[in-house]
Protein backbone atom coordinates (compact mmCIF):
# COMPACT_ATOMS: atom_id res chain seq x y z
CA MET A 1 21.66 -6.29 10.83
CA ASN A 2 18.74 -6.03 9.31
CA LEU A 3 16.42 -9.36 9.70
CA ASN A 4 12.84 -8.39 8.54
CA THR A 5 10.79 -5.65 8.95
CA HIS A 6 10.21 -4.29 12.74
CA ASP A 7 15.03 -4.04 11.99
CA HIS A 8 14.00 -1.62 9.17
CA ARG A 9 10.78 0.24 11.47
CA ARG A 10 13.47 -0.12 14.23
CA HIS A 11 16.62 1.77 11.46
CA ALA A 12 14.17 4.23 10.59
CA ALA A 13 12.39 5.91 13.97
CA ARG A 14 16.05 6.90 14.41
CA ARG A 15 16.44 7.70 11.12
CA LEU A 16 13.77 10.32 10.75
CA PRO A 17 11.83 13.35 12.95
CA ARG A 18 9.71 12.60 14.92
CA PHE A 19 7.29 14.19 13.08
CA VAL A 20 7.97 12.42 9.44
CA PHE A 21 8.44 8.85 11.58
CA ASP A 22 4.61 8.61 13.13
CA TYR A 23 2.85 9.83 10.10
CA VAL A 24 3.86 7.25 8.38
CA ASP A 25 3.34 4.85 11.17
CA GLY A 26 0.35 6.39 13.08
CA GLY A 27 -2.97 4.83 12.54
CA ALA A 28 -6.67 6.95 13.85
CA GLU A 29 -8.04 7.44 16.64
CA ASP A 30 -6.78 5.28 19.48
CA GLU A 31 -5.17 3.28 16.99
CA ARG A 32 -7.42 0.13 17.74
CA CYS A 33 -7.94 -0.54 14.14
CA LEU A 34 -3.82 -0.22 13.49
CA ARG A 35 -3.77 -2.94 16.36
CA ARG A 36 -6.61 -4.78 15.14
CA ASN A 37 -5.11 -5.70 11.58
CA GLY A 38 -1.46 -7.07 13.55
CA ASP A 39 -3.53 -8.75 16.14
CA ASP A 40 -6.01 -10.62 13.58
CA LEU A 41 -2.91 -11.91 11.96
CA ALA A 42 -0.69 -13.11 14.70
CA ALA A 43 -4.16 -14.79 16.23
CA LEU A 44 -4.56 -17.06 12.37
CA HIS A 45 -2.23 -20.11 12.72
CA LEU A 46 -1.48 -22.17 9.84
CA LEU A 47 -1.22 -25.62 9.97
CA PRO A 48 0.52 -27.49 8.49
CA GLN A 49 0.68 -30.85 6.25
CA VAL A 50 4.07 -33.05 6.18
CA LEU A 51 5.55 -35.42 3.33
CA ARG A 52 4.18 -33.30 0.20
CA ASP A 53 7.33 -32.39 -2.61
CA THR A 54 8.36 -28.69 -2.47
CA ARG A 55 11.11 -29.36 -3.94
CA ASN A 56 10.09 -26.16 -6.82
CA ALA A 57 8.80 -23.54 -3.15
CA ASP A 58 7.00 -21.64 -6.08
CA THR A 59 6.31 -18.02 -4.53
CA SER A 60 5.38 -17.18 -8.47
CA VAL A 61 1.68 -15.58 -9.10
CA THR A 62 0.39 -14.07 -12.21
CA VAL A 63 -2.13 -11.41 -12.27
CA PHE A 64 -3.99 -10.55 -15.38
CA GLY A 65 -2.00 -12.33 -17.66
CA GLN A 66 1.73 -10.53 -15.80
CA ARG A 67 4.01 -12.33 -12.71
CA TRP A 68 4.86 -11.46 -10.52
CA THR A 69 7.95 -13.63 -7.88
CA MET A 70 5.84 -13.45 -5.14
CA PRO A 71 2.37 -12.06 -4.13
CA ALA A 72 3.17 -9.19 -2.48
CA GLY A 73 3.91 -5.51 -3.88
CA ILE A 74 4.06 -2.11 -2.45
CA ALA A 75 0.99 -0.56 -1.68
CA PRO A 76 0.34 3.36 -2.78
CA ILE A 77 2.47 5.82 -0.16
CA GLY A 78 2.18 9.15 -0.71
CA PHE A 79 4.51 11.59 1.05
CA SER A 80 7.14 9.29 0.17
CA GLY A 81 9.08 12.03 -0.49
CA LEU A 82 9.21 13.81 2.13
CA VAL A 83 10.94 9.81 4.54
CA ARG A 84 14.22 10.41 1.55
CA PRO A 85 14.52 12.15 -1.78
CA HIS A 86 13.28 10.94 -4.36
CA GLY A 87 11.01 7.97 -2.66
CA ASP A 88 8.61 7.00 -5.21
CA LEU A 89 12.38 6.29 -7.29
CA LEU A 90 13.04 4.82 -4.66
CA LEU A 91 9.77 2.50 -4.18
CA ALA A 92 9.49 1.87 -8.09
CA ARG A 93 13.38 0.97 -8.98
CA ALA A 94 12.96 -1.75 -5.63
CA ALA A 95 9.87 -3.12 -6.56
CA ALA A 96 11.01 -3.31 -10.27
CA ALA A 97 13.97 -5.20 -9.07
CA GLU A 98 12.33 -7.34 -7.29
CA GLY A 99 10.22 -8.72 -9.76
CA VAL A 100 6.89 -7.33 -7.63
CA PRO A 101 3.67 -3.75 -8.54
CA PHE A 102 4.37 -1.05 -7.20
CA VAL A 103 1.54 1.13 -7.01
CA LEU A 104 1.82 4.72 -6.73
CA SER A 105 0.10 7.20 -4.68
CA THR A 106 -1.55 10.33 -6.49
CA ALA A 107 -0.16 11.23 -3.07
CA SER A 108 3.05 11.51 -4.66
CA ASN A 109 5.73 14.27 -4.65
CA ASP A 110 7.48 12.46 -8.20
CA ARG A 111 6.47 13.01 -11.47
CA LEU A 112 4.61 9.58 -12.52
CA GLU A 113 6.00 9.78 -16.27
CA ALA A 114 9.71 9.62 -14.30
CA VAL A 115 8.58 6.21 -11.27
CA ARG A 116 7.62 5.11 -15.11
CA ALA A 117 11.31 5.47 -16.45
CA ALA A 118 12.45 4.87 -13.06
CA GLY A 119 11.62 1.62 -12.19
CA LEU A 120 12.02 0.47 -16.29
CA GLU A 121 15.49 1.58 -15.58
CA ARG A 122 15.78 -1.68 -13.48
CA ASN A 123 13.21 -3.98 -15.34
CA PRO A 124 12.02 -3.41 -18.70
CA GLN A 125 9.07 -5.56 -17.39
CA ALA A 126 8.23 -4.28 -14.44
CA GLN A 127 4.60 -2.66 -12.98
CA GLN A 128 3.42 -0.28 -12.01
CA TRP A 129 0.02 0.71 -11.40
CA LEU A 130 -1.73 4.35 -9.95
CA GLN A 131 -3.77 4.97 -7.45
CA LEU A 132 -6.18 7.43 -7.86
CA TYR A 133 -7.86 9.88 -4.83
CA VAL A 134 -10.55 12.09 -6.81
CA MET A 135 -11.05 15.18 -5.24
CA SER A 136 -13.86 17.87 -5.21
CA ASP A 137 -12.54 19.46 -9.32
CA ARG A 138 -12.73 15.81 -11.22
CA ALA A 139 -10.40 17.73 -13.73
CA ILE A 140 -7.59 17.00 -11.96
CA ALA A 141 -8.18 13.00 -12.33
CA GLU A 142 -9.09 12.85 -15.49
CA GLN A 143 -5.14 14.75 -16.29
CA LEU A 144 -3.61 11.98 -13.98
CA VAL A 145 -5.69 9.02 -15.67
CA ARG A 146 -5.28 9.88 -19.17
CA ARG A 147 -1.44 10.29 -17.94
CA ALA A 148 -1.26 6.50 -16.67
CA ARG A 149 -2.68 5.49 -20.06
CA SER A 150 0.46 7.43 -22.20
CA ALA A 151 3.38 6.18 -19.89
CA GLY A 152 1.76 2.85 -19.39
CA PHE A 153 0.26 2.05 -16.21
CA GLY A 154 -0.19 -1.05 -16.02
CA ALA A 155 -4.01 -0.40 -13.89
CA LEU A 156 -5.65 1.79 -11.79
CA VAL A 157 -6.66 2.06 -8.46
CA LEU A 158 -9.37 4.17 -7.28
CA THR A 159 -8.73 4.66 -3.07
CA VAL A 160 -12.69 4.31 -1.94
CA ASP A 161 -13.16 4.75 1.50
CA VAL A 162 -11.51 8.16 2.12
CA ALA A 163 -14.74 10.60 1.87
CA VAL A 164 -13.50 12.16 4.56
CA SER A 165 -9.58 11.55 6.04
CA GLY A 166 -9.84 9.85 9.25
CA MET A 167 -8.11 11.55 12.79
CA ARG A 168 -4.43 11.50 12.95
CA GLU A 169 -3.72 12.42 16.20
CA ARG A 170 -0.50 12.01 15.91
CA ASP A 171 -0.14 13.91 13.53
CA VAL A 172 -2.22 16.82 14.97
CA ARG A 173 -0.05 17.19 17.79
CA ASN A 174 2.91 17.11 16.16
CA GLY A 175 1.40 20.24 13.65
CA PHE A 176 1.75 18.15 10.83
CA LYS A 177 -0.32 19.92 7.92
CA LEU A 178 0.69 22.50 4.65
CA PRO A 179 1.37 24.78 4.18
CA PHE A 180 4.41 23.18 7.33
CA ARG A 181 5.29 25.39 9.64
CA PHE A 182 8.87 24.91 12.56
CA THR A 183 8.03 25.70 15.88
CA PRO A 184 10.41 25.70 18.48
CA SER A 185 10.13 21.69 19.39
CA THR A 186 10.31 20.43 14.97
CA LEU A 187 13.20 22.75 14.91
CA ILE A 188 14.86 21.28 17.12
CA ASP A 189 14.06 17.36 16.45
CA LEU A 190 15.53 18.51 12.77
CA ALA A 191 18.67 18.88 14.76
CA ARG A 192 18.23 15.81 16.63
CA HIS A 193 18.14 14.04 13.43
CA PRO A 194 20.89 15.44 11.60
CA ALA A 195 21.21 13.11 8.31
CA TRP A 196 17.96 13.62 6.64
CA SER A 197 17.90 17.00 7.48
CA LEU A 198 20.79 17.76 5.53
CA SER A 199 19.49 15.08 3.00
CA MET A 200 16.49 17.77 2.39
CA ALA A 201 18.56 20.61 2.69
CA ARG A 202 20.58 19.23 -0.94
CA GLN A 203 17.03 18.60 -2.53
CA GLY A 204 15.82 22.24 -1.79
CA ARG A 205 13.30 21.92 -1.32
CA SER A 206 10.41 20.23 0.70
CA PRO A 207 8.44 17.51 -1.58
CA SER A 208 4.83 18.31 -3.31
CA PHE A 209 1.91 17.00 -4.83
CA VAL A 210 3.79 17.66 -7.67
CA ASN A 211 1.10 15.89 -10.29
CA LEU A 212 -1.55 17.48 -9.34
CA SER A 213 -0.57 19.09 -12.42
CA GLU A 214 -0.77 18.04 -16.08
CA SER A 215 2.96 19.87 -16.45
CA GLU A 216 5.69 19.78 -15.62
CA GLY A 217 6.90 22.70 -12.92
CA GLY A 218 2.83 24.09 -12.96
CA GLY A 219 2.14 23.35 -9.49
CA GLN A 220 -1.02 23.92 -7.51
CA SER A 221 -2.40 26.30 -4.96
CA ALA A 222 -0.89 26.07 -1.34
CA GLN A 223 -4.98 24.97 -0.86
CA LEU A 224 -5.26 22.12 -3.97
CA GLN A 225 -1.92 21.13 -1.75
CA ALA A 226 -3.22 20.63 1.86
CA ALA A 227 -6.39 19.78 0.93
CA LEU A 228 -4.74 16.32 -0.86
CA LEU A 229 -3.09 15.77 2.79
CA SER A 230 -5.66 16.36 4.28
CA ARG A 231 -7.72 14.15 1.51
CA ALA A 232 -10.26 16.35 1.34
CA MET A 233 -12.26 14.20 -2.19
CA ASP A 234 -15.21 14.76 -3.61
CA ARG A 235 -17.90 13.08 -1.74
CA THR A 236 -20.63 12.88 -3.93
CA LEU A 237 -18.87 9.99 -6.51
CA ALA A 238 -20.86 6.95 -6.00
CA TRP A 239 -21.57 3.44 -7.87
CA GLU A 240 -23.49 5.31 -10.60
CA GLN A 241 -20.10 7.27 -11.79
CA MET A 242 -17.78 4.59 -12.32
CA ASP A 243 -18.76 4.75 -16.05
CA TRP A 244 -16.99 8.17 -16.36
CA LEU A 245 -13.97 6.66 -15.23
CA ARG A 246 -14.17 4.16 -17.74
CA ARG A 247 -14.62 5.85 -20.73
CA LEU A 248 -11.19 7.45 -19.19
CA TRP A 249 -9.26 3.98 -18.26
CA ASP A 250 -9.59 1.46 -20.82
CA GLY A 251 -7.15 -0.96 -18.41
CA PRO A 252 -7.82 -3.11 -15.56
CA LEU A 253 -9.02 -1.42 -12.85
CA LEU A 254 -9.73 -1.61 -8.75
CA LEU A 255 -11.14 -0.94 -6.26
CA LYS A 256 -9.08 -0.01 -2.79
CA GLY A 257 -10.54 -0.10 0.44
CA VAL A 258 -13.22 -2.56 0.58
CA LEU A 259 -14.79 -3.48 3.84
CA HIS A 260 -18.01 -4.77 3.44
CA PRO A 261 -19.48 -8.32 1.62
CA ALA A 262 -22.19 -5.80 0.01
CA ASP A 263 -20.04 -3.90 -1.61
CA ALA A 264 -17.94 -6.21 -3.02
CA GLU A 265 -20.61 -8.61 -5.13
CA ARG A 266 -21.56 -5.00 -6.12
CA ALA A 267 -17.85 -4.62 -7.36
CA ALA A 268 -18.07 -8.16 -9.25
CA ARG A 269 -21.77 -7.22 -10.95
CA SER A 270 -20.01 -3.71 -12.22
CA GLY A 271 -17.51 -5.42 -14.09
CA ILE A 272 -14.85 -3.76 -12.01
CA ASP A 273 -11.97 -5.90 -12.23
CA GLY A 274 -10.49 -6.07 -9.02
CA ILE A 275 -9.89 -4.41 -5.15
CA VAL A 276 -8.45 -3.96 -2.88
CA VAL A 277 -9.63 -5.22 0.90
CA SER A 278 -8.52 -2.47 3.34
CA ASN A 279 -8.76 -0.09 6.13
CA HIS A 280 -6.43 2.02 4.63
CA GLY A 281 -3.52 1.49 7.89
CA GLY A 282 -6.08 1.39 10.01
CA ARG A 283 -5.70 5.25 9.14
CA GLN A 284 -8.79 5.83 8.47
CA LEU A 285 -12.17 4.58 10.38
CA ASP A 286 -10.30 3.64 13.90
CA ALA A 287 -13.85 0.85 14.86
CA ALA A 288 -12.87 -1.03 10.93
CA PRO A 289 -12.39 -4.99 11.58
CA SER A 290 -9.12 -5.98 10.44
CA THR A 291 -8.47 -6.98 6.85
CA ILE A 292 -7.40 -9.83 7.35
CA SER A 293 -11.11 -11.02 10.03
CA VAL A 294 -13.03 -10.08 6.82
CA LEU A 295 -11.04 -10.98 3.93
CA PRO A 296 -13.48 -14.32 3.52
CA ARG A 297 -16.18 -13.01 3.33
CA ILE A 298 -15.24 -10.70 0.89
CA VAL A 299 -14.18 -13.87 -1.16
CA ASP A 300 -16.63 -15.24 -0.84
CA ALA A 301 -18.84 -12.41 -1.74
CA VAL A 302 -16.84 -12.23 -5.34
CA ALA A 303 -16.78 -15.71 -6.03
CA GLY A 304 -13.77 -16.34 -8.05
CA ARG A 305 -15.03 -12.99 -10.68
CA MET A 306 -11.89 -10.88 -10.19
CA PRO A 307 -8.71 -11.26 -7.58
CA VAL A 308 -9.49 -10.23 -4.52
CA PHE A 309 -6.50 -8.03 -2.88
CA VAL A 310 -5.53 -7.40 1.04
CA ASP A 311 -2.78 -4.31 3.06
CA SER A 312 -3.14 -3.44 6.47
CA GLY A 313 -1.25 -4.54 9.12
CA PHE A 314 1.65 -7.38 7.01
CA ARG A 315 5.15 -7.18 8.39
CA ARG A 316 5.84 -11.16 6.88
CA GLY A 317 5.94 -13.47 4.77
CA SER A 318 4.03 -16.00 6.40
CA ASP A 319 1.36 -12.97 7.22
CA VAL A 320 0.50 -13.15 3.19
CA ILE A 321 0.12 -16.89 3.30
CA LYS A 322 -2.60 -16.10 6.01
CA ALA A 323 -4.03 -14.07 3.14
CA LEU A 324 -3.73 -16.57 0.05
CA ALA A 325 -4.60 -19.46 2.78
CA CYS A 326 -7.81 -17.33 3.67
CA GLY A 327 -8.36 -17.02 0.13
CA ALA A 328 -6.47 -13.39 -1.75
CA THR A 329 -4.75 -13.06 -4.83
CA ALA A 330 -2.16 -11.26 -3.64
CA ALA A 331 -1.17 -9.28 -0.33
CA PHE A 332 0.16 -6.02 -0.76
CA VAL A 333 2.47 -3.71 2.34
CA GLY A 334 3.28 -0.14 2.40
CA ARG A 335 4.66 0.48 6.00
CA ALA A 336 6.85 -1.87 5.47
CA ALA A 337 8.38 -0.46 1.63
CA VAL A 338 8.34 3.02 3.67
CA TRP A 339 10.69 1.47 6.43
CA GLY A 340 13.15 0.19 3.96
CA VAL A 341 13.73 3.37 2.36
CA ALA A 342 14.72 5.08 5.41
CA SER A 343 16.75 2.70 6.65
CA GLY A 344 18.50 2.56 2.82
CA ALA A 345 17.19 4.30 0.18
CA GLU A 346 17.06 1.47 -2.59
CA ALA A 347 18.57 -1.82 -1.54
CA GLY A 348 16.97 -0.68 2.40
CA CYS A 349 13.59 -1.30 0.54
CA ARG A 350 14.80 -4.47 -2.10
CA SER A 351 16.33 -6.36 1.77
CA VAL A 352 12.93 -5.66 2.86
CA LEU A 353 11.19 -7.44 -0.48
CA ALA A 354 13.89 -9.38 -0.06
CA THR A 355 12.78 -10.58 2.15
CA LEU A 356 9.44 -11.06 1.68
CA ARG A 357 10.33 -13.23 -0.27
CA ASP A 358 12.25 -15.31 1.35
CA GLU A 359 9.25 -15.28 4.28
CA VAL A 360 7.15 -16.36 1.47
CA ALA A 361 8.88 -19.35 0.83
CA ARG A 362 9.68 -20.78 4.27
CA THR A 363 6.07 -21.42 4.94
CA GLN A 364 4.78 -22.24 2.55
CA ILE A 365 7.70 -25.55 2.52
CA LEU A 366 7.06 -25.86 5.96
CA ILE A 367 3.14 -25.82 5.60
CA GLY A 368 3.44 -28.66 1.99
CA ALA A 369 2.92 -25.93 -0.20
CA ASP A 370 5.17 -26.02 -3.07
CA SER A 371 3.39 -23.46 -4.69
CA THR A 372 1.74 -20.69 -3.89
CA ALA A 373 -2.00 -22.10 -5.41
CA ASP A 374 -0.60 -25.37 -3.53
CA VAL A 375 -2.38 -22.56 -0.16
CA CYS A 376 -5.74 -23.26 0.78
CA ALA A 377 -7.33 -23.13 3.47
CA GLY A 378 -6.91 -26.80 4.21
CA HIS A 379 -3.60 -25.42 6.23
CA LEU A 380 -5.43 -22.42 7.94
CA ALA A 381 -5.09 -23.58 12.51
CA ALA A 382 -9.09 -22.47 13.16
CA ARG A 383 -11.13 -19.46 11.69
CA SER A 384 -11.54 -18.20 15.33
CA ILE A 385 -9.48 -14.52 15.08
CA LEU A 386 -11.37 -12.73 16.96
CA PRO A 387 -12.97 -13.44 20.93
CA GLY A 388 -15.60 -15.75 20.70
CA GLY A 389 -16.63 -15.89 17.15
CA SER A 390 -15.09 -16.44 13.72
CA LEU A 391 -13.95 -15.27 11.15
CA VAL A 392 -16.00 -12.68 9.73
């Protein structure tokens, strides 16, 4: 029985080969940042207010004129086709069915047009955003943005914390790279996970980054595929070149990977439409702070000029409410959604999202908030979640 995201994680660990589970589950270096994300959320307490009318328990939020059923969505997840065949389609359908946004990764394994169509099949109002990596060949990013605009994606999310890939030691130890080479230990691992191995064999091909080419079936070199997996990005991309993206994209433009208040303030001055406070789930800079610890300062720097979202470490509806109390508009979940796909395909992901929404509603009621708009800093029991100090 899956009562929460942790149950889905346990099922995912049983179903997936070690190298796949570690790719999803792992972080950079000693994984201290990964742990900090969860530890700092757990250390932040909510202070209930009683005798409040909470008969409605409205969990919805409105973002860029669109209604979400709860203040949470699915973060961009690369290589989800390795968890289950067509994992991107499963995530898109689940998000659409549950009325929350899905952010498609540049490193997806299904064509963005197919992902858009899959979401619309479940919900004509499906909200999908495209996460963008800018590699050295900017023509790849340009064709992705053109196609996303044509397909009807609602926002563009530029990830800005991958000037170089974090050192993910689990992946190195498992030999996880492209082109993938099987070792005796890998073959034994596959034999111990027959359900996953058979599903991949039926697919007939290994997942690849199919959106690197504008034409369907166009393909890309093994070197370019490997470069995307290792996050070999354009390190010349700077603030001064945001006009380049603005010329390509006229919808909401967000920056993902912001941790410094000065960057948040500059984003607001530069006309960026939103930011995602993120440390890449602890997969990039292991010395980075948790996102919940920097969130209040980011919110203060933005000063209401744009919505502020957050990800990294969110597992419970109460975590989402803590983010709202710190000033966020909404939170995104990544690993939790993938664990749901691993444990039960689309139904598993829908279970994760439905459970999250139930937890959001229950937490709201228990703290005396009748709607997400009622959640505020007054619901924080204490602001000191780091040793010897306050939220920074």
